[in-house]
Amino acid sequence: MKIKSVNPYTEEVNWTYDSFSFEECESMIENSRAAFSGWSSLSVEERTKYFSRAEKVIRQNTEIYAEIITKEMGKPIRQSRDEIEECACLCDYYAENAAKFLKDEFVDIGAEKKVT
């Protein structure tokens, strides 16, 4: 089956894609599980490097991504560029703050351990 990407503004077909078979989907799911396992074993410092790199790649490809968003959603290119900038800023924000957000924290809930 073919999947079509249609520009909602012009109603022109942007791209067509082949859908995936059940087996292809199963394989992608398994690959995702394996990738998650590797990702979850990384330290926070290692993960933040990926977010910093993602921010740079997003900014380097702003026009490419903005054009895709505009064609896919029919929105003005300026709004698409703003979305790309927001994504880049979020990557930068989490790269800078992940260690602080994920550090261990003692929360006093007022409970006491009873010794019996």
PDB file of N, CA and C in Angstrom:
ATOM      1  N   MET A   1       0.836  -1.172   0.000  1.00  0.00           N
ATOM      2  CA  MET A   1       0.000   0.000   0.000  1.00  0.00           C
ATOM      3  C   MET A   1       0.888   1.245   0.000  1.00  0.00           C
ATOM      4  N   LYS A   2       0.520   2.246  -0.740  1.00  0.00           N
ATOM      5  CA  LYS A   2       1.249   3.510  -0.796  1.00  0.00           C
ATOM      6  C   LYS A   2       0.622   4.499   0.188  1.00  0.00           C
ATOM      7  N   ILE A   3       1.473   5.245   0.845  1.00  0.00           N
ATOM      8  CA  ILE A   3       1.034   6.308   1.746  1.00  0.00           C
ATOM      9  C   ILE A   3       1.416   7.621   1.084  1.00  0.00           C
ATOM     10  N   LYS A   4       0.477   8.551   1.027  1.00  0.00           N
ATOM     11  CA  LYS A   4       0.724   9.829   0.376  1.00  0.00           C
ATOM     12  C   LYS A   4       0.829  10.944   1.407  1.00  0.00           C
ATOM     13  N   SER A   5       1.782  11.818   1.187  1.00  0.00           N
ATOM     14  CA  SER A   5       1.884  13.058   1.947  1.00  0.00           C
ATOM     15  C   SER A   5       1.304  14.144   1.047  1.00  0.00           C
ATOM     16  N   VAL A   6       0.216  14.764   1.511  1.00  0.00           N
ATOM     17  CA  VAL A   6      -0.482  15.763   0.705  1.00  0.00           C
ATOM     18  C   VAL A   6      -0.383  17.121   1.378  1.00  0.00           C
ATOM     19  N   ASN A   7       0.031  18.121   0.616  1.00  0.00           N
ATOM     20  CA  ASN A   7       0.074  19.487   1.121  1.00  0.00           C
ATOM     21  C   ASN A   7      -1.375  19.958   1.296  1.00  0.00           C
ATOM     22  N   PRO A   8      -1.787  20.273   2.523  1.00  0.00           N
ATOM     23  CA  PRO A   8      -3.180  20.658   2.744  1.00  0.00           C
ATOM     24  C   PRO A   8      -3.547  22.005   2.119  1.00  0.00           C
ATOM     25  N   TYR A   9      -2.562  22.814   1.819  1.00  0.00           N
ATOM     26  CA  TYR A   9      -2.828  24.126   1.222  1.00  0.00           C
ATOM     27  C   TYR A   9      -3.029  24.021  -0.279  1.00  0.00           C
ATOM     28  N   THR A  10      -2.131  23.273  -0.956  1.00  0.00           N
ATOM     29  CA  THR A  10      -2.197  23.168  -2.414  1.00  0.00           C
ATOM     30  C   THR A  10      -2.882  21.894  -2.886  1.00  0.00           C
ATOM     31  N   GLU A  11      -3.041  20.929  -1.985  1.00  0.00           N
ATOM     32  CA  GLU A  11      -3.591  19.599  -2.270  1.00  0.00           C
ATOM     33  C   GLU A  11      -2.725  18.805  -3.246  1.00  0.00           C
ATOM     34  N   GLU A  12      -1.484  19.225  -3.416  1.00  0.00           N
ATOM     35  CA  GLU A  12      -0.541  18.478  -4.243  1.00  0.00           C
ATOM     36  C   GLU A  12       0.094  17.382  -3.396  1.00  0.00           C
ATOM     37  N   VAL A  13       0.433  16.271  -4.059  1.00  0.00           N
ATOM     38  CA  VAL A  13       1.121  15.182  -3.377  1.00  0.00           C
ATOM     39  C   VAL A  13       2.591  15.561  -3.253  1.00  0.00           C
ATOM     40  N   ASN A  14       3.058  15.613  -2.006  1.00  0.00           N
ATOM     41  CA  ASN A  14       4.469  15.920  -1.753  1.00  0.00           C
ATOM     42  C   ASN A  14       5.344  14.716  -2.045  1.00  0.00           C
ATOM     43  N   TRP A  15       5.006  13.612  -1.425  1.00  0.00           N
ATOM     44  CA  TRP A  15       5.782  12.384  -1.514  1.00  0.00           C
ATOM     45  C   TRP A  15       4.844  11.203  -1.390  1.00  0.00           C
ATOM     46  N   THR A  16       5.300  10.054  -1.862  1.00  0.00           N
ATOM     47  CA  THR A  16       4.598   8.799  -1.604  1.00  0.00           C
ATOM     48  C   THR A  16       5.585   7.828  -0.974  1.00  0.00           C
ATOM     49  N   TYR A  17       5.066   7.017  -0.085  1.00  0.00           N
ATOM     50  CA  TYR A  17       5.883   6.053   0.641  1.00  0.00           C
ATOM     51  C   TYR A  17       5.231   4.680   0.566  1.00  0.00           C
ATOM     52  N   ASP A  18       6.048   3.651   0.582  1.00  0.00           N
ATOM     53  CA  ASP A  18       5.531   2.298   0.727  1.00  0.00           C
ATOM     54  C   ASP A  18       5.270   2.054   2.201  1.00  0.00           C
ATOM     55  N   SER A  19       4.169   1.399   2.510  1.00  0.00           N
ATOM     56  CA  SER A  19       3.928   1.041   3.907  1.00  0.00           C
ATOM     57  C   SER A  19       4.825  -0.145   4.256  1.00  0.00           C
ATOM     58  N   PHE A  20       5.012  -0.368   5.538  1.00  0.00           N
ATOM     59  CA  PHE A  20       5.875  -1.445   5.999  1.00  0.00           C
ATOM     60  C   PHE A  20       5.067  -2.719   6.196  1.00  0.00           C
ATOM     61  N   SER A  21       5.709  -3.830   5.966  1.00  0.00           N
ATOM     62  CA  SER A  21       5.083  -5.120   6.232  1.00  0.00           C
ATOM     63  C   SER A  21       5.080  -5.362   7.743  1.00  0.00           C
ATOM     64  N   PHE A  22       4.316  -6.350   8.174  1.00  0.00           N
ATOM     65  CA  PHE A  22       4.281  -6.719   9.579  1.00  0.00           C
ATOM     66  C   PHE A  22       5.681  -7.088  10.060  1.00  0.00           C
ATOM     67  N   GLU A  23       6.398  -7.860   9.252  1.00  0.00           N
ATOM     68  CA  GLU A  23       7.745  -8.299   9.621  1.00  0.00           C
ATOM     69  C   GLU A  23       8.704  -7.117   9.743  1.00  0.00           C
ATOM     70  N   GLU A  24       8.584  -6.153   8.825  1.00  0.00           N
ATOM     71  CA  GLU A  24       9.438  -4.963   8.903  1.00  0.00           C
ATOM     72  C   GLU A  24       9.146  -4.175  10.176  1.00  0.00           C
ATOM     73  N   CYS A  25       7.876  -4.078  10.530  1.00  0.00           N
ATOM     74  CA  CYS A  25       7.500  -3.369  11.765  1.00  0.00           C
ATOM     75  C   CYS A  25       8.059  -4.086  12.986  1.00  0.00           C
ATOM     76  N   GLU A  26       7.934  -5.401  13.007  1.00  0.00           N
ATOM     77  CA  GLU A  26       8.475  -6.180  14.118  1.00  0.00           C
ATOM     78  C   GLU A  26       9.985  -5.971  14.249  1.00  0.00           C
ATOM     79  N   SER A  27      10.686  -5.970  13.139  1.00  0.00           N
ATOM     80  CA  SER A  27      12.131  -5.762  13.144  1.00  0.00           C
ATOM     81  C   SER A  27      12.480  -4.378  13.678  1.00  0.00           C
ATOM     82  N   MET A  28      11.730  -3.366  13.257  1.00  0.00           N
ATOM     83  CA  MET A  28      11.985  -2.001  13.741  1.00  0.00           C
ATOM     84  C   MET A  28      11.723  -1.883  15.232  1.00  0.00           C
ATOM     85  N   ILE A  29      10.702  -2.574  15.709  1.00  0.00           N
ATOM     86  CA  ILE A  29      10.401  -2.548  17.145  1.00  0.00           C
ATOM     87  C   ILE A  29      11.547  -3.179  17.930  1.00  0.00           C
ATOM     88  N   GLU A  30      12.031  -4.302  17.458  1.00  0.00           N
ATOM     89  CA  GLU A  30      13.154  -4.965  18.131  1.00  0.00           C
ATOM     90  C   GLU A  30      14.413  -4.094  18.111  1.00  0.00           C
ATOM     91  N   ASN A  31      14.673  -3.454  16.972  1.00  0.00           N
ATOM     92  CA  ASN A  31      15.828  -2.549  16.882  1.00  0.00           C
ATOM     93  C   ASN A  31      15.669  -1.381  17.849  1.00  0.00           C
ATOM     94  N   SER A  32      14.450  -0.896  18.011  1.00  0.00           N
ATOM     95  CA  SER A  32      14.189   0.205  18.945  1.00  0.00           C
ATOM     96  C   SER A  32      14.437  -0.230  20.381  1.00  0.00           C
ATOM     97  N   ARG A  33      14.014  -1.437  20.702  1.00  0.00           N
ATOM     98  CA  ARG A  33      14.254  -1.952  22.061  1.00  0.00           C
ATOM     99  C   ARG A  33      15.748  -2.063  22.344  1.00  0.00           C
ATOM    100  N   ALA A  34      16.485  -2.565  21.365  1.00  0.00           N
ATOM    101  CA  ALA A  34      17.939  -2.688  21.533  1.00  0.00           C
ATOM    102  C   ALA A  34      18.588  -1.316  21.678  1.00  0.00           C
ATOM    103  N   ALA A  35      18.143  -0.360  20.878  1.00  0.00           N
ATOM    104  CA  ALA A  35      18.698   0.994  20.958  1.00  0.00           C
ATOM    105  C   ALA A  35      18.374   1.624  22.310  1.00  0.00           C
ATOM    106  N   PHE A  36      17.155   1.409  22.802  1.00  0.00           N
ATOM    107  CA  PHE A  36      16.777   1.964  24.106  1.00  0.00           C
ATOM    108  C   PHE A  36      17.640   1.377  25.208  1.00  0.00           C
ATOM    109  N   SER A  37      17.910   0.094  25.116  1.00  0.00           N
ATOM    110  CA  SER A  37      18.754  -0.547  26.121  1.00  0.00           C
ATOM    111  C   SER A  37      20.129   0.114  26.164  1.00  0.00           C
ATOM    112  N   GLY A  38      20.683   0.378  24.988  1.00  0.00           N
ATOM    113  CA  GLY A  38      21.974   1.061  24.935  1.00  0.00           C
ATOM    114  C   GLY A  38      21.890   2.480  25.464  1.00  0.00           C
ATOM    115  N   TRP A  39      20.841   3.191  25.088  1.00  0.00           N
ATOM    116  CA  TRP A  39      20.641   4.573  25.525  1.00  0.00           C
ATOM    117  C   TRP A  39      20.500   4.644  27.038  1.00  0.00           C
ATOM    118  N   SER A  40      19.712   3.740  27.614  1.00  0.00           N
ATOM    119  CA  SER A  40      19.462   3.808  29.055  1.00  0.00           C
ATOM    120  C   SER A  40      20.698   3.478  29.871  1.00  0.00           C
ATOM    121  N   SER A  41      21.697   2.845  29.266  1.00  0.00           N
ATOM    122  CA  SER A  41      22.919   2.537  30.007  1.00  0.00           C
ATOM    123  C   SER A  41      23.932   3.679  29.957  1.00  0.00           C
ATOM    124  N   LEU A  42      23.657   4.713  29.154  1.00  0.00           N
ATOM    125  CA  LEU A  42      24.570   5.861  29.074  1.00  0.00           C
ATOM    126  C   LEU A  42      24.430   6.748  30.296  1.00  0.00           C
ATOM    127  N   SER A  43      25.519   7.378  30.673  1.00  0.00           N
ATOM    128  CA  SER A  43      25.462   8.346  31.774  1.00  0.00           C
ATOM    129  C   SER A  43      24.746   9.607  31.294  1.00  0.00           C
ATOM    130  N   VAL A  44      24.320  10.413  32.231  1.00  0.00           N
ATOM    131  CA  VAL A  44      23.665  11.679  31.887  1.00  0.00           C
ATOM    132  C   VAL A  44      24.610  12.543  31.058  1.00  0.00           C
ATOM    133  N   GLU A  45      25.879  12.552  31.418  1.00  0.00           N
ATOM    134  CA  GLU A  45      26.855  13.364  30.686  1.00  0.00           C
ATOM    135  C   GLU A  45      26.958  12.917  29.224  1.00  0.00           C
ATOM    136  N   GLU A  46      26.932  11.609  29.008  1.00  0.00           N
ATOM    137  CA  GLU A  46      26.989  11.096  27.636  1.00  0.00           C
ATOM    138  C   GLU A  46      25.719  11.450  26.855  1.00  0.00           C
ATOM    139  N   ARG A  47      24.585  11.355  27.520  1.00  0.00           N
ATOM    140  CA  ARG A  47      23.322  11.675  26.851  1.00  0.00           C
ATOM    141  C   ARG A  47      23.255  13.151  26.452  1.00  0.00           C
ATOM    142  N   THR A  48      23.770  14.014  27.311  1.00  0.00           N
ATOM    143  CA  THR A  48      23.702  15.444  26.999  1.00  0.00           C
ATOM    144  C   THR A  48      24.516  15.786  25.760  1.00  0.00           C
ATOM    145  N   LYS A  49      25.555  15.015  25.483  1.00  0.00           N
ATOM    146  CA  LYS A  49      26.336  15.236  24.266  1.00  0.00           C
ATOM    147  C   LYS A  49      25.467  15.022  23.024  1.00  0.00           C
ATOM    148  N   TYR A  50      24.590  14.042  23.096  1.00  0.00           N
ATOM    149  CA  TYR A  50      23.681  13.788  21.970  1.00  0.00           C
ATOM    150  C   TYR A  50      22.697  14.938  21.784  1.00  0.00           C
ATOM    151  N   PHE A  51      22.209  15.489  22.891  1.00  0.00           N
ATOM    152  CA  PHE A  51      21.288  16.618  22.776  1.00  0.00           C
ATOM    153  C   PHE A  51      21.989  17.848  22.218  1.00  0.00           C
ATOM    154  N   SER A  52      23.239  18.048  22.619  1.00  0.00           N
ATOM    155  CA  SER A  52      24.009  19.171  22.065  1.00  0.00           C
ATOM    156  C   SER A  52      24.230  18.986  20.577  1.00  0.00           C
ATOM    157  N   ARG A  53      24.536  17.777  20.179  1.00  0.00           N
ATOM    158  CA  ARG A  53      24.739  17.488  18.750  1.00  0.00           C
ATOM    159  C   ARG A  53      23.427  17.656  17.978  1.00  0.00           C
ATOM    160  N   ALA A  54      22.320  17.201  18.552  1.00  0.00           N
ATOM    161  CA  ALA A  54      21.013  17.341  17.893  1.00  0.00           C
ATOM    162  C   ALA A  54      20.684  18.815  17.676  1.00  0.00           C
ATOM    163  N   GLU A  55      20.976  19.636  18.658  1.00  0.00           N
ATOM    164  CA  GLU A  55      20.711  21.082  18.533  1.00  0.00           C
ATOM    165  C   GLU A  55      21.481  21.654  17.350  1.00  0.00           C
ATOM    166  N   LYS A  56      22.735  21.265  17.209  1.00  0.00           N
ATOM    167  CA  LYS A  56      23.558  21.781  16.100  1.00  0.00           C
ATOM    168  C   LYS A  56      23.035  21.293  14.748  1.00  0.00           C
ATOM    169  N   VAL A  57      22.686  20.020  14.663  1.00  0.00           N
ATOM    170  CA  VAL A  57      22.173  19.463  13.405  1.00  0.00           C
ATOM    171  C   VAL A  57      20.851  20.126  13.023  1.00  0.00           C
ATOM    172  N   ILE A  58      19.996  20.323  13.996  1.00  0.00           N
ATOM    173  CA  ILE A  58      18.706  20.975  13.724  1.00  0.00           C
ATOM    174  C   ILE A  58      18.933  22.371  13.166  1.00  0.00           C
ATOM    175  N   ARG A  59      19.802  23.136  13.803  1.00  0.00           N
ATOM    176  CA  ARG A  59      20.054  24.507  13.332  1.00  0.00           C
ATOM    177  C   ARG A  59      20.733  24.521  11.955  1.00  0.00           C
ATOM    178  N   GLN A  60      21.617  23.576  11.699  1.00  0.00           N
ATOM    179  CA  GLN A  60      22.287  23.508  10.403  1.00  0.00           C
ATOM    180  C   GLN A  60      21.317  23.166   9.269  1.00  0.00           C
ATOM    181  N   ASN A  61      20.222  22.510   9.597  1.00  0.00           N
ATOM    182  CA  ASN A  61      19.268  22.056   8.586  1.00  0.00           C
ATOM    183  C   ASN A  61      17.912  22.749   8.689  1.00  0.00           C
ATOM    184  N   THR A  62      17.890  23.912   9.279  1.00  0.00           N
ATOM    185  CA  THR A  62      16.641  24.628   9.497  1.00  0.00           C
ATOM    186  C   THR A  62      15.809  24.754   8.226  1.00  0.00           C
ATOM    187  N   GLU A  63      16.414  25.184   7.145  1.00  0.00           N
ATOM    188  CA  GLU A  63      15.645  25.413   5.918  1.00  0.00           C
ATOM    189  C   GLU A  63      15.063  24.116   5.355  1.00  0.00           C
ATOM    190  N   ILE A  64      15.825  23.053   5.422  1.00  0.00           N
ATOM    191  CA  ILE A  64      15.335  21.756   4.926  1.00  0.00           C
ATOM    192  C   ILE A  64      14.125  21.315   5.741  1.00  0.00           C
ATOM    193  N   TYR A  65      14.270  21.352   7.073  1.00  0.00           N
ATOM    194  CA  TYR A  65      13.185  20.915   7.945  1.00  0.00           C
ATOM    195  C   TYR A  65      11.974  21.840   7.837  1.00  0.00           C
ATOM    196  N   ALA A  66      12.218  23.136   7.733  1.00  0.00           N
ATOM    197  CA  ALA A  66      11.114  24.088   7.628  1.00  0.00           C
ATOM    198  C   ALA A  66      10.314  23.865   6.348  1.00  0.00           C
ATOM    199  N   GLU A  67      11.006  23.574   5.274  1.00  0.00           N
ATOM    200  CA  GLU A  67      10.309  23.309   4.006  1.00  0.00           C
ATOM    201  C   GLU A  67       9.429  22.061   4.125  1.00  0.00           C
ATOM    202  N   ILE A  68       9.945  21.034   4.772  1.00  0.00           N
ATOM    203  CA  ILE A  68       9.159  19.810   4.968  1.00  0.00           C
ATOM    204  C   ILE A  68       7.915  20.108   5.799  1.00  0.00           C
ATOM    205  N   ILE A  69       8.084  20.822   6.895  1.00  0.00           N
ATOM    206  CA  ILE A  69       6.949  21.159   7.760  1.00  0.00           C
ATOM    207  C   ILE A  69       5.909  21.955   6.981  1.00  0.00           C
ATOM    208  N   THR A  70       6.363  22.932   6.213  1.00  0.00           N
ATOM    209  CA  THR A  70       5.447  23.766   5.436  1.00  0.00           C
ATOM    210  C   THR A  70       4.668  22.924   4.430  1.00  0.00           C
ATOM    211  N   LYS A  71       5.356  22.037   3.748  1.00  0.00           N
ATOM    212  CA  LYS A  71       4.676  21.190   2.769  1.00  0.00           C
ATOM    213  C   LYS A  71       3.729  20.198   3.431  1.00  0.00           C
ATOM    214  N   GLU A  72       4.138  19.643   4.552  1.00  0.00           N
ATOM    215  CA  GLU A  72       3.324  18.639   5.230  1.00  0.00           C
ATOM    216  C   GLU A  72       2.101  19.248   5.918  1.00  0.00           C
ATOM    217  N   MET A  73       2.256  20.461   6.456  1.00  0.00           N
ATOM    218  CA  MET A  73       1.195  21.037   7.265  1.00  0.00           C
ATOM    219  C   MET A  73       0.513  22.231   6.615  1.00  0.00           C
ATOM    220  N   GLY A  74       1.100  22.759   5.545  1.00  0.00           N
ATOM    221  CA  GLY A  74       0.501  23.901   4.866  1.00  0.00           C
ATOM    222  C   GLY A  74       0.628  25.209   5.616  1.00  0.00           C
ATOM    223  N   LYS A  75       1.541  25.277   6.560  1.00  0.00           N
ATOM    224  CA  LYS A  75       1.684  26.510   7.339  1.00  0.00           C
ATOM    225  C   LYS A  75       2.735  27.417   6.703  1.00  0.00           C
ATOM    226  N   PRO A  76       2.719  28.684   7.034  1.00  0.00           N
ATOM    227  CA  PRO A  76       3.722  29.617   6.498  1.00  0.00           C
ATOM    228  C   PRO A  76       5.134  29.205   6.901  1.00  0.00           C
ATOM    229  N   ILE A  77       6.080  29.435   6.028  1.00  0.00           N
ATOM    230  CA  ILE A  77       7.474  29.044   6.261  1.00  0.00           C
ATOM    231  C   ILE A  77       8.035  29.691   7.529  1.00  0.00           C
ATOM    232  N   ARG A  78       7.605  30.893   7.825  1.00  0.00           N
ATOM    233  CA  ARG A  78       8.091  31.576   9.033  1.00  0.00           C
ATOM    234  C   ARG A  78       7.711  30.801  10.292  1.00  0.00           C
ATOM    235  N   GLN A  79       6.482  30.286  10.330  1.00  0.00           N
ATOM    236  CA  GLN A  79       6.060  29.487  11.482  1.00  0.00           C
ATOM    237  C   GLN A  79       6.846  28.183  11.557  1.00  0.00           C
ATOM    238  N   SER A  80       7.131  27.610  10.400  1.00  0.00           N
ATOM    239  CA  SER A  80       7.919  26.374  10.366  1.00  0.00           C
ATOM    240  C   SER A  80       9.326  26.615  10.909  1.00  0.00           C
ATOM    241  N   ARG A  81       9.926  27.715  10.510  1.00  0.00           N
ATOM    242  CA  ARG A  81      11.261  28.059  11.027  1.00  0.00           C
ATOM    243  C   ARG A  81      11.215  28.255  12.541  1.00  0.00           C
ATOM    244  N   ASP A  82      10.153  28.894  13.022  1.00  0.00           N
ATOM    245  CA  ASP A  82      10.006  29.095  14.464  1.00  0.00           C
ATOM    246  C   ASP A  82       9.910  27.755  15.200  1.00  0.00           C
ATOM    247  N   GLU A  83       9.204  26.782  14.619  1.00  0.00           N
ATOM    248  CA  GLU A  83       9.114  25.459  15.232  1.00  0.00           C
ATOM    249  C   GLU A  83      10.482  24.792  15.317  1.00  0.00           C
ATOM    250  N   ILE A  84      11.256  24.934  14.238  1.00  0.00           N
ATOM    251  CA  ILE A  84      12.593  24.357  14.226  1.00  0.00           C
ATOM    252  C   ILE A  84      13.452  25.005  15.303  1.00  0.00           C
ATOM    253  N   GLU A  85      13.371  26.304  15.425  1.00  0.00           N
ATOM    254  CA  GLU A  85      14.140  27.019  16.446  1.00  0.00           C
ATOM    255  C   GLU A  85      13.730  26.564  17.844  1.00  0.00           C
ATOM    256  N   GLU A  86      12.431  26.359  18.052  1.00  0.00           N
ATOM    257  CA  GLU A  86      11.958  25.890  19.350  1.00  0.00           C
ATOM    258  C   GLU A  86      12.530  24.504  19.673  1.00  0.00           C
ATOM    259  N   CYS A  87      12.565  23.630  18.693  1.00  0.00           N
ATOM    260  CA  CYS A  87      13.151  22.296  18.889  1.00  0.00           C
ATOM    261  C   CYS A  87      14.626  22.395  19.250  1.00  0.00           C
ATOM    262  N   ALA A  88      15.353  23.230  18.539  1.00  0.00           N
ATOM    263  CA  ALA A  88      16.781  23.406  18.821  1.00  0.00           C
ATOM    264  C   ALA A  88      16.980  23.959  20.231  1.00  0.00           C
ATOM    265  N   CYS A  89      16.176  24.926  20.615  1.00  0.00           N
ATOM    266  CA  CYS A  89      16.280  25.517  21.955  1.00  0.00           C
ATOM    267  C   CYS A  89      15.989  24.477  23.036  1.00  0.00           C
ATOM    268  N   LEU A  90      15.010  23.618  22.797  1.00  0.00           N
ATOM    269  CA  LEU A  90      14.697  22.576  23.779  1.00  0.00           C
ATOM    270  C   LEU A  90      15.852  21.584  23.925  1.00  0.00           C
ATOM    271  N   CYS A  91      16.467  21.208  22.820  1.00  0.00           N
ATOM    272  CA  CYS A  91      17.625  20.314  22.896  1.00  0.00           C
ATOM    273  C   CYS A  91      18.736  20.964  23.709  1.00  0.00           C
ATOM    274  N   ASP A  92      18.993  22.227  23.455  1.00  0.00           N
ATOM    275  CA  ASP A  92      20.021  22.968  24.176  1.00  0.00           C
ATOM    276  C   ASP A  92      19.667  23.071  25.661  1.00  0.00           C
ATOM    277  N   TYR A  93      18.418  23.365  25.950  1.00  0.00           N
ATOM    278  CA  TYR A  93      17.950  23.504  27.325  1.00  0.00           C
ATOM    279  C   TYR A  93      18.168  22.215  28.118  1.00  0.00           C
ATOM    280  N   TYR A  94      17.764  21.088  27.525  1.00  0.00           N
ATOM    281  CA  TYR A  94      17.920  19.824  28.237  1.00  0.00           C
ATOM    282  C   TYR A  94      19.378  19.389  28.304  1.00  0.00           C
ATOM    283  N   ALA A  95      20.160  19.710  27.311  1.00  0.00           N
ATOM    284  CA  ALA A  95      21.592  19.411  27.372  1.00  0.00           C
ATOM    285  C   ALA A  95      22.236  20.161  28.536  1.00  0.00           C
ATOM    286  N   GLU A  96      21.827  21.394  28.735  1.00  0.00           N
ATOM    287  CA  GLU A  96      22.402  22.213  29.803  1.00  0.00           C
ATOM    288  C   GLU A  96      21.859  21.864  31.185  1.00  0.00           C
ATOM    289  N   ASN A  97      20.632  21.354  31.263  1.00  0.00           N
ATOM    290  CA  ASN A  97      19.982  21.177  32.561  1.00  0.00           C
ATOM    291  C   ASN A  97      19.721  19.733  32.974  1.00  0.00           C
ATOM    292  N   ALA A  98      20.009  18.772  32.115  1.00  0.00           N
ATOM    293  CA  ALA A  98      19.675  17.373  32.415  1.00  0.00           C
ATOM    294  C   ALA A  98      20.303  16.894  33.717  1.00  0.00           C
ATOM    295  N   ALA A  99      21.564  17.190  33.921  1.00  0.00           N
ATOM    296  CA  ALA A  99      22.236  16.722  35.138  1.00  0.00           C
ATOM    297  C   ALA A  99      21.546  17.266  36.385  1.00  0.00           C
ATOM    298  N   LYS A 100      21.142  18.520  36.341  1.00  0.00           N
ATOM    299  CA  LYS A 100      20.455  19.130  37.487  1.00  0.00           C
ATOM    300  C   LYS A 100      19.082  18.491  37.688  1.00  0.00           C
ATOM    301  N   PHE A 101      18.351  18.267  36.587  1.00  0.00           N
ATOM    302  CA  PHE A 101      17.013  17.698  36.683  1.00  0.00           C
ATOM    303  C   PHE A 101      17.018  16.248  37.158  1.00  0.00           C
ATOM    304  N   LEU A 102      18.060  15.509  36.823  1.00  0.00           N
ATOM    305  CA  LEU A 102      18.096  14.079  37.098  1.00  0.00           C
ATOM    306  C   LEU A 102      18.927  13.688  38.312  1.00  0.00           C
ATOM    307  N   LYS A 103      19.488  14.671  39.009  1.00  0.00           N
ATOM    308  CA  LYS A 103      20.295  14.303  40.170  1.00  0.00           C
ATOM    309  C   LYS A 103      19.397  13.769  41.280  1.00  0.00           C
ATOM    310  N   ASP A 104      19.976  12.915  42.104  1.00  0.00           N
ATOM    311  CA  ASP A 104      19.236  12.360  43.228  1.00  0.00           C
ATOM    312  C   ASP A 104      18.814  13.479  44.168  1.00  0.00           C
ATOM    313  N   GLU A 105      17.655  13.290  44.760  1.00  0.00           N
ATOM    314  CA  GLU A 105      17.116  14.319  45.643  1.00  0.00           C
ATOM    315  C   GLU A 105      16.453  13.643  46.843  1.00  0.00           C
ATOM    316  N   PHE A 106      16.772  14.106  48.021  1.00  0.00           N
ATOM    317  CA  PHE A 106      16.123  13.601  49.227  1.00  0.00           C
ATOM    318  C   PHE A 106      14.811  14.346  49.426  1.00  0.00           C
ATOM    319  N   VAL A 107      13.749  13.602  49.599  1.00  0.00           N
ATOM    320  CA  VAL A 107      12.441  14.199  49.839  1.00  0.00           C
ATOM    321  C   VAL A 107      11.956  13.701  51.197  1.00  0.00           C
ATOM    322  N   ASP A 108      11.842  14.622  52.122  1.00  0.00           N
ATOM    323  CA  ASP A 108      11.372  14.281  53.459  1.00  0.00           C
ATOM    324  C   ASP A 108       9.851  14.259  53.447  1.00  0.00           C
ATOM    325  N   ILE A 109       9.295  13.072  53.627  1.00  0.00           N
ATOM    326  CA  ILE A 109       7.832  12.948  53.622  1.00  0.00           C
ATOM    327  C   ILE A 109       7.273  12.793  55.031  1.00  0.00           C
ATOM    328  N   GLY A 110       8.149  12.903  56.007  1.00  0.00           N
ATOM    329  CA  GLY A 110       7.714  12.856  57.388  1.00  0.00           C
ATOM    330  C   GLY A 110       7.461  11.456  57.914  1.00  0.00           C
ATOM    331  N   ALA A 111       7.767  10.466  57.158  1.00  0.00           N
ATOM    332  CA  ALA A 111       7.556   9.084  57.606  1.00  0.00           C
ATOM    333  C   ALA A 111       8.729   8.638  58.458  1.00  0.00           C
ATOM    334  N   GLU A 112       8.461   7.733  59.344  1.00  0.00           N
ATOM    335  CA  GLU A 112       9.499   7.176  60.202  1.00  0.00           C
ATOM    336  C   GLU A 112       9.525   5.674  60.067  1.00  0.00           C
ATOM    337  N   LYS A 113      10.715   5.138  60.157  1.00  0.00           N
ATOM    338  CA  LYS A 113      10.849   3.687  60.119  1.00  0.00           C
ATOM    339  C   LYS A 113      10.748   3.168  61.550  1.00  0.00           C
ATOM    340  N   LYS A 114       9.830   2.253  61.762  1.00  0.00           N
ATOM    341  CA  LYS A 114       9.659   1.689  63.104  1.00  0.00           C
ATOM    342  C   LYS A 114      10.491   0.436  63.237  1.00  0.00           C
ATOM    343  N   VAL A 115      11.186   0.362  64.317  1.00  0.00           N
ATOM    344  CA  VAL A 115      12.002  -0.802  64.617  1.00  0.00           C
ATOM    345  C   VAL A 115      11.167  -1.744  65.480  1.00  0.00           C
ATOM    346  N   THR A 116      11.063  -2.984  65.048  1.00  0.00           N
ATOM    347  CA  THR A 116      10.261  -3.919  65.850  1.00  0.00           C
ATOM    348  C   THR A 116      11.117  -4.989  66.455  1.00  0.00           C
TER     349      THR A 116
END
